[in-house]
Amino acid sequence: MDLVLNVADYYFFTPYLYPATWPEDDIFRQTISLLIVTNIGAFILYFLFASLSYYFVYDHSLMKHPQFLQNQVYREIKFTVQSLPWISIPTVSLFLSEVRGYSKLYDDIGEFPYGWIQLIVSVISFLFFTDMLIYWIHRGLHHRLVYKRIHKPHHIWKITTPFASHAFHPVDGFLQGLPYHIYPFIFPLHKVAYLALYIMVNIWTISIHDGDYRVPRILRPFINGAAHHTDHHLYFDYNYGQYFTLWDRIGGSFKNPSSFEGKGPLNYVKNMTKENCTSHLGNGCKNEKIFNDECTKNE
């Protein structure tokens, strides 16, 4: 995060915001700067990629599903906008620790004898390490002692849109993001790789809420995609994982997505539309072509 902070200092904070006498490495200044950068960055990532997903990936016919709530998109966005600033507060404390040099983040690949190989291994281990911790944190949030107060707000959305991806209670949002910040305090990780992975994680979180249930058949047993996560929202006790199905299989919580079996939300909407078309036709509709077109459009 110090890379981002250095750029922000150079182009904005130092010339336009802070007094020239205030050192850039002052801890209070860094805290304020990180709060600003973290919030702006979080909102840009959320609105940019959730909007792209919503307009170009999301299947809007899912809005016809009976479990899709009234004004749901607006409510998802409102919930997120209210939560992100609170989530940023404890997150900034971790970013500050990184900036102050307490993590194992490094600048130069040449610092390690196996440079590029170590970088590749660290990226892979980051994915598996964070997936493991998120699985257990997520599963723990479903415990009856904490679920209603902390995690239930995210499960209001049964048929999610990309805008539901960050609509968490602040404690929930911070806890599920914690593994990403823990990793560089335990294992060495290149600073650029860390930033890239942080952005990727946010995009992935949006993608598993985007209603696009297609997964290459060869990857279906391994990747926890939108089809898996949708069943988590619908059936509660399954598919807690973030990227992979590994820990759900180990923990006995794996469920083959209903969408892969022809029983998912999109299948329900298509069948419902066909039934409505048939019902209208059976009642003597004069313009049969209109209903045939409607049925075809939703297939």
Foldseek 3Di string as FASTA:
>chain_A
DVVVLVVCCVPPCCPDNDDVPDDSPDLVNLLVSQLVVQLVVVVCLLCVLLVCLQVPPFDVLLCVFPLNDVVNLVVLLVLLVVQRSLLSNVVSVLVSCVNVPQFQADADLVVDPVRPVVQVVLLVVLQVQLQVQQLVLLLVCLPPVRVVPFPVQLLSGLQFALSSLRNGHSVSNNSSCVSLSVSRRPDYHYPVSSVVVVSVLSSLSSQLNHNRPDDPPVCQQWFCHVLQVSVCSNVVQADSGRTTCVVRVVVVRHDRGVVVVCRDSLSVSLVVLVVVLVVCVVVPDPPNVVSVVSSVVSD
